[in-house]
Amino acid sequence: MPIDPLRRRLLQGAAAGALGAVAFDMPAWAEAAFPSRPLRLVVPNGPGGAADLTARAVGQKLAAALGKPVVIDNRPSAGGVVAGETVARAAPDGHTLLLISSGTAVSAALFKRLPFDTLKDFAPVSQMARFDLGIAVAQNSRFKSLADLLAHARANPGKLNIGTPQIGTTQNLAAELFKLTAGIQAQVVPFNGTPPAVTAVMGGEIDAVVDILGPLLPHLQGKALRALAVLGRERAPELPEVPAVRESGGPLADFNVTSWNGLAVPAGTPPAIVERLSREVQAAVAQPDVKKQLQALNLSAQGSSPAQLRALLDADIQRWSEVIAKAGLPKL
């Protein structure tokens, strides 16, 4: 029997309303169904380091909040390539996460080619922590302040030597940025890690060292080294008497470099799942016991929204790309 026009319109309206209701409820449904199995958190560093321990501390809280285990999968490699490729190829369902960091931004800027697109293949979730960098000299150094070091560099172009860990690390590029911003001619000397750089500055082979504060602190506390400045916007809680570089004013008035880490998932992960993960990570790093665990690693617990982490990653890639170009560093 033919359907009269009025009834047809009523049926079409009801169908459209039902479809609209389904579309509206999809994000809530997707979040409610997540997670359906254990989560895997891929870390581009070996076990026992700050990145690994941060992932484990936050992973325990995520497991409790989500009701599923969080398995840490260590995949160390140059530039974090293996870990990044593993997650970029994973199903975009929120069950596979990647620990990203300021090193992720450095790799995006430094490598000619990666098996993934750092900005397109990952969806940032939340920051987890940040950590300060510092510039230090031997305890018996003639440089008693950052002003002394800068004055010497300006009076003796090309004579100042600043040691860092390997070329292309955040510390190495931070030293290059310090030199460029201050407008001084100095040699940035990369070493095979922190220990040889510290040995070199204590032995007088180089004038100063730029590194993450964590590995420098035992030497600072033992009076083998003396900190001249920290590179972040604010003074470090561990060294409240040590000024920030930007307190020097002039061309360094806006200087601000810190390292950070956070979590991301494969691009295409439903926004509702990304948002839920972000909420849980932010809640985890706000808990006193997690803050205490990270503080013991000389890290400051700090969460963020997905948009804030995206902006941080974008800004760091752009900044380090410019530093690499201006410093004339070869791409890998």
Protein backbone atom coordinates (compact mmCIF):
# COMPACT_ATOMS: atom_id res chain seq x y z
CA MET A 1 0.00 0.00 0.00
CA PRO A 2 1.49 3.42 -0.94
CA ILE A 3 2.59 5.58 2.00
CA ASP A 4 0.91 8.99 2.03
CA PRO A 5 3.25 12.03 1.92
CA LEU A 6 2.55 13.08 5.53
CA ARG A 7 3.38 9.64 6.94
CA ARG A 8 6.52 9.45 4.76
CA ARG A 9 7.79 12.75 6.20
CA LEU A 10 7.09 11.58 9.74
CA LEU A 11 9.02 8.33 9.17
CA GLN A 12 11.95 10.17 7.60
CA GLY A 13 12.08 12.59 10.53
CA ALA A 14 12.07 9.73 13.04
CA ALA A 15 14.90 7.95 11.17
CA ALA A 16 16.98 11.11 11.03
CA GLY A 17 16.43 11.69 14.74
CA ALA A 18 17.54 8.14 15.55
CA LEU A 19 20.70 8.51 13.45
CA GLY A 20 21.44 11.82 15.12
CA ALA A 21 21.09 10.24 18.54
CA VAL A 22 23.49 7.42 17.58
CA ALA A 23 26.03 9.91 16.21
CA PHE A 24 25.74 12.02 19.35
CA ASP A 25 26.26 9.04 21.66
CA MET A 26 29.20 7.52 19.76
CA PRO A 27 32.00 9.32 21.66
CA ALA A 28 30.48 8.35 25.03
CA TRP A 29 30.04 4.78 23.83
CA ALA A 30 33.61 4.61 22.55
CA GLU A 31 34.94 5.87 25.87
CA ALA A 32 32.76 3.47 27.86
CA ALA A 33 34.05 0.49 25.86
CA PHE A 34 37.69 1.50 26.41
CA PRO A 35 39.90 -0.22 27.38
CA SER A 36 39.04 -3.74 26.32
CA ARG A 37 42.48 -5.28 26.92
CA PRO A 38 45.85 -4.43 28.53
CA LEU A 39 47.58 -1.25 27.36
CA ARG A 40 51.13 -1.15 26.01
CA LEU A 41 53.30 1.89 26.75
CA VAL A 42 56.29 1.95 24.40
CA VAL A 43 59.36 3.73 25.80
CA PRO A 44 62.21 4.75 23.45
CA ASN A 45 64.77 4.29 26.25
CA GLY A 46 66.20 1.38 28.17
CA PRO A 47 64.97 0.24 31.60
CA GLY A 48 66.00 2.14 34.70
CA GLY A 49 66.39 5.65 33.30
CA ALA A 50 64.24 8.67 34.07
CA ALA A 51 61.96 8.10 31.06
CA ASP A 52 61.39 4.45 31.95
CA LEU A 53 60.75 5.17 35.63
CA THR A 54 58.35 8.00 34.77
CA ALA A 55 56.43 5.67 32.44
CA ARG A 56 56.21 3.02 35.16
CA ALA A 57 55.03 5.47 37.83
CA VAL A 58 52.32 6.90 35.59
CA GLY A 59 51.52 3.48 34.12
CA GLN A 60 50.67 2.08 37.54
CA LYS A 61 48.15 4.86 38.12
CA LEU A 62 46.67 4.44 34.65
CA ALA A 63 46.23 0.72 35.25
CA ALA A 64 44.37 1.38 38.50
CA ALA A 65 42.14 4.04 36.92
CA LEU A 66 41.35 2.10 33.74
CA GLY A 67 41.06 -1.36 35.27
CA LYS A 68 43.54 -2.93 32.85
CA PRO A 69 47.28 -3.64 33.12
CA VAL A 70 49.73 -1.21 31.52
CA VAL A 71 52.73 -3.08 30.12
CA ILE A 72 55.97 -1.11 29.63
CA ASP A 73 57.70 -2.01 26.35
CA ASN A 74 61.28 -0.64 26.19
CA ARG A 75 62.45 -0.08 22.60
CA PRO A 76 65.69 1.95 22.78
CA SER A 77 67.24 3.13 19.51
CA ALA A 78 68.89 6.20 18.00
CA GLY A 79 66.42 9.04 17.82
CA GLY A 80 63.62 6.89 19.24
CA VAL A 81 62.98 5.55 15.73
CA VAL A 82 62.06 1.98 16.68
CA ALA A 83 59.58 3.01 19.38
CA GLY A 84 58.04 5.67 17.17
CA GLU A 85 57.58 3.32 14.23
CA THR A 86 56.07 0.66 16.50
CA VAL A 87 53.36 3.02 17.76
CA ALA A 88 52.76 4.77 14.42
CA ARG A 89 51.82 1.37 12.94
CA ALA A 90 49.67 0.27 15.87
CA ALA A 91 45.88 0.22 15.79
CA PRO A 92 44.50 3.69 16.65
CA ASP A 93 42.33 2.47 19.52
CA GLY A 94 44.12 3.89 22.55
CA HIS A 95 45.67 0.60 23.67
CA THR A 96 49.19 1.50 22.45
CA LEU A 97 50.91 4.61 23.80
CA LEU A 98 54.28 6.21 23.10
CA LEU A 99 56.48 8.12 25.50
CA ILE A 100 57.45 11.29 23.63
CA SER A 101 59.82 13.98 24.81
CA SER A 102 61.85 17.00 23.83
CA GLY A 103 64.10 14.37 22.22
CA THR A 104 61.22 13.46 19.91
CA ALA A 105 61.18 17.07 18.69
CA VAL A 106 64.96 17.03 18.24
CA SER A 107 64.76 13.86 16.13
CA ALA A 108 62.07 15.40 13.93
CA ALA A 109 64.35 18.38 13.35
CA LEU A 110 67.66 16.51 13.03
CA PHE A 111 66.92 13.39 10.97
CA LYS A 112 66.68 13.74 7.21
CA ARG A 113 64.16 10.94 7.06
CA LEU A 114 62.10 9.08 9.65
CA PRO A 115 59.76 6.10 9.10
CA PHE A 116 56.92 8.24 10.47
CA ASP A 117 55.75 11.85 10.49
CA THR A 118 56.08 13.15 14.05
CA LEU A 119 53.28 15.70 13.67
CA LYS A 120 50.88 13.68 11.51
CA ASP A 121 51.24 10.11 12.82
CA PHE A 122 50.73 10.74 16.54
CA ALA A 123 48.00 12.31 18.67
CA PRO A 124 49.44 13.95 21.82
CA VAL A 125 47.73 12.96 25.08
CA SER A 126 49.35 14.77 28.00
CA GLN A 127 52.66 15.96 29.29
CA MET A 128 53.96 14.00 32.31
CA ALA A 129 57.03 15.86 33.54
CA ARG A 130 59.57 18.53 32.81
CA PHE A 131 63.20 18.71 33.87
CA ASP A 132 65.67 21.54 34.05
CA LEU A 133 69.04 21.96 32.38
CA GLY A 134 71.96 23.89 33.78
CA ILE A 135 75.36 25.29 32.89
CA ALA A 136 78.11 24.40 35.34
CA VAL A 137 81.85 24.85 35.79
CA ALA A 138 84.49 23.21 37.95
CA GLN A 139 84.44 24.27 41.58
CA ASN A 140 87.87 25.94 41.17
CA SER A 141 86.93 27.69 37.90
CA ARG A 142 87.78 31.36 37.49
CA PHE A 143 84.17 31.91 36.38
CA LYS A 144 82.21 32.74 39.51
CA SER A 145 79.04 33.77 37.67
CA LEU A 146 77.41 33.58 34.27
CA ALA A 147 78.38 37.21 33.76
CA ASP A 148 82.05 36.23 34.19
CA LEU A 149 81.73 33.49 31.60
CA LEU A 150 79.98 35.76 29.08
CA ALA A 151 82.51 38.54 29.60
CA HIS A 152 85.37 36.13 28.94
CA ALA A 153 83.67 34.77 25.82
CA ARG A 154 83.12 38.26 24.41
CA ALA A 155 86.70 39.32 25.16
CA ASN A 156 88.14 36.10 23.70
CA PRO A 157 86.05 35.09 20.66
CA GLY A 158 86.20 31.37 19.92
CA LYS A 159 88.20 30.53 23.05
CA LEU A 160 85.34 29.37 25.32
CA ASN A 161 84.64 25.60 25.24
CA ILE A 162 81.26 24.25 26.39
CA GLY A 163 80.86 20.49 26.73
CA THR A 164 77.61 18.56 26.28
CA PRO A 165 76.47 14.97 25.76
CA GLN A 166 76.26 13.68 22.18
CA ILE A 167 75.62 15.91 19.20
CA GLY A 168 71.92 16.28 18.52
CA THR A 169 70.79 15.80 22.12
CA THR A 170 68.57 18.42 23.73
CA GLN A 171 71.54 19.44 25.88
CA ASN A 172 73.80 19.83 22.85
CA LEU A 173 71.27 21.95 20.98
CA ALA A 174 70.53 23.98 24.13
CA ALA A 175 74.23 24.91 24.31
CA GLU A 176 74.14 25.92 20.64
CA LEU A 177 71.03 28.02 21.29
CA PHE A 178 72.68 29.65 24.32
CA LYS A 179 75.70 30.57 22.23
CA LEU A 180 73.59 31.94 19.37
CA THR A 181 71.24 33.89 21.65
CA ALA A 182 74.06 35.41 23.72
CA GLY A 183 75.85 36.41 20.53
CA ILE A 184 79.15 34.83 21.57
CA GLN A 185 81.66 32.81 19.59
CA ALA A 186 82.29 29.59 21.49
CA GLN A 187 82.98 25.94 20.78
CA VAL A 188 80.29 23.42 21.71
CA VAL A 189 82.10 20.12 22.29
CA PRO A 190 79.99 16.93 22.24
CA PHE A 191 81.07 13.99 24.43
CA ASN A 192 79.88 10.40 24.53
CA GLY A 193 77.47 11.03 27.40
CA THR A 194 77.45 12.96 30.66
CA PRO A 195 80.32 11.24 32.58
CA PRO A 196 83.10 12.12 30.12
CA ALA A 197 81.81 15.69 29.79
CA VAL A 198 81.83 16.11 33.58
CA THR A 199 85.32 14.57 33.79
CA ALA A 200 86.53 16.99 31.12
CA VAL A 201 85.21 20.10 32.87
CA MET A 202 86.59 18.99 36.24
CA GLY A 203 89.95 18.33 34.60
CA GLY A 204 90.09 21.72 32.93
CA GLU A 205 89.86 20.37 29.38
CA ILE A 206 86.72 22.46 28.78
CA ASP A 207 85.43 25.59 30.48
CA ALA A 208 81.81 24.64 31.18
CA VAL A 209 79.23 21.91 30.69
CA VAL A 210 75.55 22.08 29.74
CA ASP A 211 73.45 19.11 30.83
CA ILE A 212 70.23 18.04 32.51
CA LEU A 213 70.39 18.93 36.21
CA GLY A 214 69.66 15.38 37.39
CA PRO A 215 73.05 13.86 36.53
CA LEU A 216 74.86 17.10 37.48
CA LEU A 217 73.35 17.36 40.98
CA PRO A 218 75.60 14.78 42.71
CA HIS A 219 78.65 16.68 41.46
CA LEU A 220 77.13 20.02 42.48
CA GLN A 221 76.21 18.73 45.92
CA GLY A 222 79.66 17.17 46.28
CA LYS A 223 81.29 20.53 45.47
CA ALA A 224 83.09 19.15 42.41
CA LEU A 225 81.05 21.45 40.15
CA ARG A 226 79.43 24.83 40.61
CA ALA A 227 76.23 25.81 38.79
CA LEU A 228 76.28 29.21 37.08
CA ALA A 229 72.68 29.20 35.82
CA VAL A 230 69.69 27.09 34.92
CA LEU A 231 68.27 27.31 31.42
CA GLY A 232 64.53 27.33 32.19
CA ARG A 233 62.29 30.33 32.73
CA GLU A 234 62.33 29.93 36.52
CA ARG A 235 64.96 28.92 39.05
CA ALA A 236 65.10 25.19 39.74
CA PRO A 237 63.54 24.02 43.03
CA GLU A 238 66.69 21.96 43.72
CA LEU A 239 68.95 25.03 43.29
CA PRO A 240 66.97 28.07 44.43
CA GLU A 241 70.11 30.17 44.83
CA VAL A 242 71.20 29.63 41.20
CA PRO A 243 69.82 32.23 38.77
CA ALA A 244 68.06 31.47 35.50
CA VAL A 245 69.95 32.42 32.34
CA ARG A 246 67.26 34.95 31.46
CA GLU A 247 68.10 36.92 34.61
CA SER A 248 71.23 38.05 32.76
CA GLY A 249 68.96 40.29 30.68
CA GLY A 250 69.93 41.71 27.31
CA PRO A 251 69.70 39.19 24.46
CA LEU A 252 69.14 36.40 27.01
CA ALA A 253 66.11 38.04 28.67
CA ASP A 254 63.67 35.61 27.03
CA PHE A 255 65.88 32.52 27.15
CA ASN A 256 63.95 29.42 28.21
CA VAL A 257 64.94 25.81 27.57
CA THR A 258 63.66 22.81 29.52
CA SER A 259 63.32 19.14 28.69
CA TRP A 260 59.99 17.35 29.03
CA ASN A 261 58.22 14.07 28.42
CA GLY A 262 54.65 13.03 27.77
CA LEU A 263 52.42 10.46 26.10
CA ALA A 264 50.95 10.13 22.62
CA VAL A 265 48.83 7.57 20.76
CA PRO A 266 48.55 6.76 17.05
CA ALA A 267 46.82 9.39 14.94
CA GLY A 268 43.19 8.52 14.31
CA THR A 269 42.53 7.40 17.87
CA PRO A 270 38.95 8.48 18.76
CA PRO A 271 38.98 11.92 20.44
CA ALA A 272 36.91 10.58 23.37
CA ILE A 273 39.63 8.03 24.15
CA VAL A 274 42.41 10.62 23.80
CA GLU A 275 40.54 12.91 26.19
CA ARG A 276 39.98 10.14 28.71
CA LEU A 277 43.63 9.12 28.64
CA SER A 278 44.61 12.76 29.06
CA ARG A 279 42.36 13.17 32.09
CA GLU A 280 43.78 10.05 33.70
CA VAL A 281 47.41 11.04 33.04
CA GLN A 282 46.80 14.52 34.45
CA ALA A 283 45.17 12.97 37.52
CA ALA A 284 48.09 10.54 37.90
CA VAL A 285 50.84 13.17 37.87
CA ALA A 286 48.86 15.31 40.32
CA GLN A 287 48.95 12.58 42.98
CA PRO A 288 51.42 13.23 45.83
CA ASP A 289 53.15 9.84 45.62
CA VAL A 290 53.81 10.25 41.88
CA LYS A 291 55.09 13.78 42.42
CA LYS A 292 57.43 12.40 45.09
CA GLN A 293 58.67 9.59 42.82
CA LEU A 294 59.40 12.02 40.00
CA GLN A 295 60.99 14.55 42.34
CA ALA A 296 63.43 11.83 43.42
CA LEU A 297 64.46 11.68 39.74
CA ASN A 298 64.81 15.49 39.68
CA LEU A 299 61.69 15.77 37.53
CA SER A 300 58.73 18.08 38.09
CA ALA A 301 55.39 16.35 37.54
CA GLN A 302 53.32 18.34 35.07
CA GLY A 303 50.28 17.29 33.06
CA SER A 304 48.66 19.09 30.13
CA SER A 305 45.78 18.95 27.71
CA PRO A 306 46.33 17.27 24.32
CA ALA A 307 46.28 20.72 22.67
CA GLN A 308 48.92 22.08 25.05
CA LEU A 309 51.23 19.13 24.37
CA ARG A 310 50.68 19.51 20.62
CA ALA A 311 51.65 23.19 20.84
CA LEU A 312 54.77 22.32 22.87
CA LEU A 313 55.85 19.66 20.37
CA ASP A 314 55.24 21.98 17.41
CA ALA A 315 57.18 24.83 19.02
CA ASP A 316 60.15 22.61 19.92
CA ILE A 317 60.41 21.14 16.42
CA GLN A 318 60.43 24.63 14.93
CA ARG A 319 62.94 25.94 17.47
CA TRP A 320 65.41 23.07 17.11
CA SER A 321 65.11 23.14 13.31
CA GLU A 322 66.17 26.79 13.38
CA VAL A 323 69.05 26.10 15.80
CA ILE A 324 70.33 23.23 13.65
CA ALA A 325 70.22 25.41 10.54
CA LYS A 326 71.89 28.44 12.18
CA ALA A 327 74.57 26.34 13.89
CA GLY A 328 75.31 24.54 10.62
CA LEU A 329 74.87 21.10 12.18
CA PRO A 330 74.68 18.26 9.63
CA LYS A 331 71.40 16.34 9.48
CA LEU A 332 71.56 12.63 10.23
